Amino acid sequence: MAQMKLLRIYTDEAAYYGDRKVFEVVASRARDAHLAGATVVQALFGFGRTAHQHRRHVLEDEQSLVIEIVDTDAHVRAFAASLSDIRGIGLMTLEAVEILGGDTVEGIAQ
C-alpha cells in the first residue's frame, strides 16, 4: 500500500472565503480534486496563536473546526499547496496513518 497521510486543516465556523465558509470551500475543493474523502469535525472549544477562545455562543457560531483528509502523500501535499489562496486556515498538519479497513481502502492507494 502507498504511504498514506492524514491532512488536518484547522479553521473556525466564522472564517469566510468570499461569501462561503472556509470549511465548505475546502471540502468542495477536496471533492473536486478527487481526494478519497473529507470530514469536518466541530470542536467544543479551541484557541490558536492569538489565544482567542472559539466556542458556541447563543447568537453566533464561532466554534473551532478540523477538516480531516486521508489520501496518498502526493495527493494531500498537492492539495495543501492548492489552498494557499484561502485566508482563514489557521494551521495545517500532516502525519502518517495506517489504514486498517474501510470501503475505499483499495481506491485510495491507486
N, C-alpha and C. Protein backbone atom coordinates (compact mmCIF):
# COMPACT_ATOMS: atom_id res chain seq x y z
N MET A 1 0.84 -1.19 0.00
CA MET A 1 0.00 0.00 0.00
C MET A 1 0.88 1.24 0.00
N ALA A 2 0.42 2.27 -0.65
CA ALA A 2 1.15 3.53 -0.72
C ALA A 2 1.22 4.18 0.66
N GLN A 3 2.18 5.07 0.84
CA GLN A 3 2.29 5.81 2.09
C GLN A 3 1.07 6.72 2.23
N MET A 4 0.26 6.47 3.24
CA MET A 4 -0.96 7.24 3.44
C MET A 4 -0.70 8.33 4.47
N LYS A 5 -1.36 9.46 4.26
CA LYS A 5 -1.19 10.61 5.16
C LYS A 5 -2.55 11.14 5.58
N LEU A 6 -2.56 11.73 6.77
CA LEU A 6 -3.72 12.43 7.29
C LEU A 6 -3.39 13.91 7.30
N LEU A 7 -4.14 14.67 6.53
CA LEU A 7 -4.02 16.12 6.50
C LEU A 7 -5.10 16.68 7.41
N ARG A 8 -4.69 17.49 8.38
CA ARG A 8 -5.64 18.17 9.27
C ARG A 8 -5.55 19.67 8.99
N ILE A 9 -6.69 20.27 8.77
CA ILE A 9 -6.77 21.69 8.49
C ILE A 9 -7.63 22.32 9.58
N TYR A 10 -7.04 23.26 10.32
CA TYR A 10 -7.73 23.90 11.43
C TYR A 10 -8.29 25.25 10.97
N THR A 11 -9.55 25.49 11.30
CA THR A 11 -10.22 26.75 10.98
C THR A 11 -11.33 26.95 11.98
N ASP A 12 -12.23 27.86 11.72
CA ASP A 12 -13.39 28.02 12.60
C ASP A 12 -14.61 28.39 11.76
N GLU A 13 -15.77 28.26 12.38
CA GLU A 13 -17.02 28.50 11.67
C GLU A 13 -17.16 29.93 11.17
N ALA A 14 -16.51 30.86 11.82
CA ALA A 14 -16.64 32.28 11.47
C ALA A 14 -15.73 32.69 10.31
N ALA A 15 -14.88 31.79 9.83
CA ALA A 15 -13.94 32.13 8.75
C ALA A 15 -14.64 32.01 7.39
N TYR A 16 -14.51 33.07 6.61
CA TYR A 16 -15.12 33.10 5.28
C TYR A 16 -14.06 33.30 4.20
N TYR A 17 -14.33 32.73 3.04
CA TYR A 17 -13.55 32.96 1.83
C TYR A 17 -14.56 33.48 0.82
N GLY A 18 -14.56 34.78 0.61
CA GLY A 18 -15.61 35.39 -0.22
C GLY A 18 -16.92 35.30 0.53
N ASP A 19 -17.93 34.74 -0.12
CA ASP A 19 -19.24 34.63 0.53
C ASP A 19 -19.52 33.22 1.05
N ARG A 20 -18.51 32.36 1.05
CA ARG A 20 -18.67 30.98 1.55
C ARG A 20 -17.79 30.74 2.76
N LYS A 21 -18.22 29.85 3.61
CA LYS A 21 -17.41 29.49 4.77
C LYS A 21 -16.19 28.70 4.31
N VAL A 22 -15.07 28.92 4.99
CA VAL A 22 -13.81 28.29 4.62
C VAL A 22 -13.95 26.77 4.59
N PHE A 23 -14.59 26.19 5.60
CA PHE A 23 -14.67 24.73 5.62
C PHE A 23 -15.46 24.19 4.43
N GLU A 24 -16.46 24.92 3.95
CA GLU A 24 -17.21 24.50 2.77
C GLU A 24 -16.36 24.57 1.51
N VAL A 25 -15.55 25.62 1.40
CA VAL A 25 -14.67 25.78 0.24
C VAL A 25 -13.64 24.65 0.22
N VAL A 26 -13.03 24.38 1.37
CA VAL A 26 -12.01 23.33 1.44
C VAL A 26 -12.62 21.97 1.10
N ALA A 27 -13.78 21.66 1.67
CA ALA A 27 -14.43 20.37 1.39
C ALA A 27 -14.81 20.26 -0.08
N SER A 28 -15.30 21.33 -0.67
CA SER A 28 -15.65 21.31 -2.10
C SER A 28 -14.43 21.10 -2.97
N ARG A 29 -13.34 21.79 -2.62
CA ARG A 29 -12.10 21.62 -3.39
C ARG A 29 -11.55 20.21 -3.24
N ALA A 30 -11.69 19.62 -2.06
CA ALA A 30 -11.23 18.24 -1.85
C ALA A 30 -12.01 17.28 -2.74
N ARG A 31 -13.31 17.50 -2.83
CA ARG A 31 -14.15 16.67 -3.71
C ARG A 31 -13.75 16.86 -5.16
N ASP A 32 -13.56 18.13 -5.56
CA ASP A 32 -13.18 18.42 -6.95
C ASP A 32 -11.80 17.86 -7.30
N ALA A 33 -10.93 17.73 -6.30
CA ALA A 33 -9.59 17.18 -6.51
C ALA A 33 -9.60 15.65 -6.47
N HIS A 34 -10.77 15.06 -6.29
CA HIS A 34 -10.94 13.60 -6.25
C HIS A 34 -10.16 12.96 -5.12
N LEU A 35 -10.07 13.65 -3.99
CA LEU A 35 -9.45 13.05 -2.83
C LEU A 35 -10.39 11.99 -2.28
N ALA A 36 -9.85 11.07 -1.48
CA ALA A 36 -10.63 9.93 -1.01
C ALA A 36 -11.83 10.36 -0.17
N GLY A 37 -11.73 11.49 0.52
CA GLY A 37 -12.84 11.96 1.33
C GLY A 37 -12.38 13.04 2.28
N ALA A 38 -13.32 13.75 2.85
CA ALA A 38 -13.02 14.80 3.82
C ALA A 38 -14.09 14.76 4.90
N THR A 39 -13.68 14.98 6.13
CA THR A 39 -14.60 15.04 7.25
C THR A 39 -14.36 16.33 8.00
N VAL A 40 -15.43 17.06 8.30
CA VAL A 40 -15.33 18.29 9.08
C VAL A 40 -15.80 17.95 10.49
N VAL A 41 -14.92 18.20 11.46
CA VAL A 41 -15.20 17.88 12.86
C VAL A 41 -15.33 19.18 13.63
N GLN A 42 -16.40 19.31 14.40
CA GLN A 42 -16.64 20.51 15.17
C GLN A 42 -16.13 20.30 16.59
N ALA A 43 -15.32 21.23 17.07
CA ALA A 43 -14.75 21.14 18.41
C ALA A 43 -15.65 21.86 19.41
N LEU A 44 -15.65 21.39 20.62
CA LEU A 44 -16.42 22.07 21.67
C LEU A 44 -15.76 23.38 22.09
N PHE A 45 -14.44 23.39 22.01
CA PHE A 45 -13.69 24.56 22.46
C PHE A 45 -12.33 24.54 21.77
N GLY A 46 -11.78 25.70 21.50
CA GLY A 46 -10.45 25.76 20.93
C GLY A 46 -9.90 27.17 20.97
N PHE A 47 -8.58 27.25 20.85
CA PHE A 47 -7.92 28.55 20.70
C PHE A 47 -6.65 28.31 19.92
N GLY A 48 -6.17 29.37 19.30
CA GLY A 48 -4.97 29.28 18.49
C GLY A 48 -3.92 30.26 18.94
N ARG A 49 -3.11 30.67 18.01
CA ARG A 49 -1.97 31.54 18.28
C ARG A 49 -2.38 32.84 18.99
N THR A 50 -3.55 33.37 18.66
CA THR A 50 -3.99 34.63 19.26
C THR A 50 -4.61 34.43 20.64
N ALA A 51 -4.83 33.20 21.06
CA ALA A 51 -5.45 32.84 22.33
C ALA A 51 -6.93 33.23 22.39
N HIS A 52 -7.52 33.64 21.25
CA HIS A 52 -8.95 33.91 21.20
C HIS A 52 -9.69 32.59 21.38
N GLN A 53 -10.64 32.56 22.30
CA GLN A 53 -11.39 31.34 22.57
C GLN A 53 -12.54 31.19 21.58
N HIS A 54 -12.58 30.02 20.95
CA HIS A 54 -13.64 29.70 19.99
C HIS A 54 -14.60 28.73 20.66
N ARG A 55 -15.84 29.14 20.77
CA ARG A 55 -16.87 28.27 21.36
C ARG A 55 -18.22 28.69 20.82
N ARG A 56 -19.21 27.84 21.01
CA ARG A 56 -20.55 28.15 20.53
C ARG A 56 -21.18 29.18 21.46
N HIS A 57 -21.70 30.23 20.85
CA HIS A 57 -22.41 31.27 21.58
C HIS A 57 -23.89 31.18 21.23
N VAL A 58 -24.73 31.81 22.01
CA VAL A 58 -26.17 31.76 21.77
C VAL A 58 -26.53 32.39 20.42
N LEU A 59 -25.93 33.52 20.08
CA LEU A 59 -26.31 34.24 18.87
C LEU A 59 -25.40 34.02 17.68
N GLU A 60 -24.28 33.36 17.87
CA GLU A 60 -23.38 33.17 16.74
C GLU A 60 -22.59 31.87 16.89
N ASP A 61 -22.16 31.35 15.77
CA ASP A 61 -21.34 30.13 15.76
C ASP A 61 -19.90 30.50 15.51
N GLU A 62 -19.06 30.17 16.43
CA GLU A 62 -17.65 30.52 16.32
C GLU A 62 -16.77 29.36 16.79
N GLN A 63 -17.27 28.15 16.67
CA GLN A 63 -16.51 27.00 17.15
C GLN A 63 -15.35 26.68 16.24
N SER A 64 -14.33 26.09 16.84
CA SER A 64 -13.20 25.60 16.05
C SER A 64 -13.64 24.40 15.24
N LEU A 65 -13.06 24.26 14.05
CA LEU A 65 -13.33 23.14 13.17
C LEU A 65 -12.02 22.51 12.73
N VAL A 66 -12.05 21.21 12.52
CA VAL A 66 -10.91 20.50 11.96
C VAL A 66 -11.41 19.73 10.75
N ILE A 67 -10.74 19.90 9.63
CA ILE A 67 -11.07 19.17 8.42
C ILE A 67 -10.01 18.08 8.27
N GLU A 68 -10.45 16.83 8.23
CA GLU A 68 -9.51 15.71 8.11
C GLU A 68 -9.65 15.06 6.74
N ILE A 69 -8.51 14.84 6.11
CA ILE A 69 -8.46 14.22 4.78
C ILE A 69 -7.38 13.16 4.79
N VAL A 70 -7.73 11.93 4.40
CA VAL A 70 -6.75 10.84 4.29
C VAL A 70 -6.63 10.48 2.83
N ASP A 71 -5.40 10.47 2.35
CA ASP A 71 -5.13 10.09 0.96
C ASP A 71 -3.63 9.82 0.86
N THR A 72 -3.14 9.63 -0.34
CA THR A 72 -1.71 9.39 -0.51
C THR A 72 -0.92 10.65 -0.19
N ASP A 73 0.33 10.46 0.11
CA ASP A 73 1.22 11.57 0.45
C ASP A 73 1.22 12.62 -0.66
N ALA A 74 1.38 12.19 -1.89
CA ALA A 74 1.44 13.13 -3.02
C ALA A 74 0.14 13.91 -3.17
N HIS A 75 -0.99 13.23 -3.03
CA HIS A 75 -2.28 13.90 -3.21
C HIS A 75 -2.53 14.95 -2.13
N VAL A 76 -2.29 14.62 -0.86
CA VAL A 76 -2.59 15.60 0.19
C VAL A 76 -1.60 16.75 0.19
N ARG A 77 -0.34 16.49 -0.18
CA ARG A 77 0.63 17.59 -0.27
C ARG A 77 0.25 18.56 -1.40
N ALA A 78 -0.14 18.03 -2.53
CA ALA A 78 -0.55 18.88 -3.64
C ALA A 78 -1.82 19.66 -3.27
N PHE A 79 -2.74 18.99 -2.58
CA PHE A 79 -3.97 19.66 -2.18
C PHE A 79 -3.68 20.77 -1.18
N ALA A 80 -2.84 20.51 -0.19
CA ALA A 80 -2.50 21.54 0.80
C ALA A 80 -1.89 22.76 0.11
N ALA A 81 -1.02 22.53 -0.85
CA ALA A 81 -0.40 23.64 -1.57
C ALA A 81 -1.44 24.45 -2.35
N SER A 82 -2.48 23.78 -2.82
CA SER A 82 -3.52 24.47 -3.61
C SER A 82 -4.41 25.37 -2.77
N LEU A 83 -4.29 25.30 -1.45
CA LEU A 83 -5.13 26.10 -0.56
C LEU A 83 -4.47 27.42 -0.14
N SER A 84 -3.34 27.74 -0.74
CA SER A 84 -2.58 28.92 -0.31
C SER A 84 -3.34 30.23 -0.48
N ASP A 85 -4.35 30.26 -1.32
CA ASP A 85 -5.12 31.50 -1.53
C ASP A 85 -6.22 31.71 -0.50
N ILE A 86 -6.44 30.75 0.36
CA ILE A 86 -7.55 30.84 1.33
C ILE A 86 -7.05 31.37 2.66
N ARG A 87 -7.53 32.55 3.01
CA ARG A 87 -7.29 33.08 4.36
C ARG A 87 -8.31 32.42 5.28
N GLY A 88 -7.97 32.31 6.53
CA GLY A 88 -8.91 31.70 7.48
C GLY A 88 -8.54 30.29 7.85
N ILE A 89 -7.47 29.78 7.24
CA ILE A 89 -6.93 28.49 7.66
C ILE A 89 -5.87 28.80 8.70
N GLY A 90 -6.09 28.29 9.91
CA GLY A 90 -5.17 28.60 10.99
C GLY A 90 -3.90 27.78 10.95
N LEU A 91 -4.02 26.50 10.66
CA LEU A 91 -2.89 25.58 10.73
C LEU A 91 -3.21 24.36 9.88
N MET A 92 -2.19 23.79 9.26
CA MET A 92 -2.34 22.51 8.57
C MET A 92 -1.26 21.59 9.07
N THR A 93 -1.63 20.35 9.39
CA THR A 93 -0.66 19.36 9.83
C THR A 93 -0.77 18.12 8.95
N LEU A 94 0.30 17.36 8.91
CA LEU A 94 0.35 16.16 8.09
C LEU A 94 1.04 15.06 8.89
N GLU A 95 0.43 13.90 8.93
CA GLU A 95 1.03 12.79 9.65
C GLU A 95 0.76 11.47 8.92
N ALA A 96 1.63 10.52 9.14
CA ALA A 96 1.47 9.20 8.54
C ALA A 96 0.34 8.47 9.26
N VAL A 97 -0.44 7.71 8.49
CA VAL A 97 -1.51 6.90 9.06
C VAL A 97 -1.46 5.50 8.47
N GLU A 98 -1.98 4.55 9.22
CA GLU A 98 -2.10 3.18 8.75
C GLU A 98 -3.58 2.89 8.54
N ILE A 99 -3.94 2.47 7.35
CA ILE A 99 -5.33 2.16 7.03
C ILE A 99 -5.60 0.72 7.48
N LEU A 100 -6.61 0.56 8.33
CA LEU A 100 -6.93 -0.76 8.85
C LEU A 100 -8.11 -1.41 8.13
N GLY A 101 -8.94 -0.64 7.51
CA GLY A 101 -10.10 -1.19 6.81
C GLY A 101 -10.97 -0.08 6.28
N GLY A 102 -12.02 -0.45 5.60
CA GLY A 102 -12.96 0.54 5.08
C GLY A 102 -13.31 0.25 3.64
N ASP A 103 -14.35 0.90 3.19
CA ASP A 103 -14.87 0.66 1.83
C ASP A 103 -13.97 1.17 0.74
N THR A 104 -13.18 2.23 1.00
CA THR A 104 -12.43 2.87 -0.08
C THR A 104 -10.93 2.62 0.02
N VAL A 105 -10.51 1.68 0.84
CA VAL A 105 -9.07 1.46 1.05
C VAL A 105 -8.36 1.14 -0.27
N GLU A 106 -8.92 0.25 -1.07
CA GLU A 106 -8.27 -0.12 -2.32
C GLU A 106 -8.20 1.07 -3.28
N GLY A 107 -9.23 1.88 -3.30
CA GLY A 107 -9.27 3.02 -4.21
C GLY A 107 -8.33 4.14 -3.83
N ILE A 108 -8.01 4.28 -2.56
CA ILE A 108 -7.14 5.36 -2.11
C ILE A 108 -5.73 5.20 -2.66
N ALA A 109 -5.17 4.03 -2.56
CA ALA A 109 -3.76 3.82 -2.91
C ALA A 109 -3.52 3.80 -4.41
N GLN A 110 -4.57 3.80 -5.22
CA GLN A 110 -4.38 3.71 -6.67
C GLN A 110 -4.31 5.08 -7.31
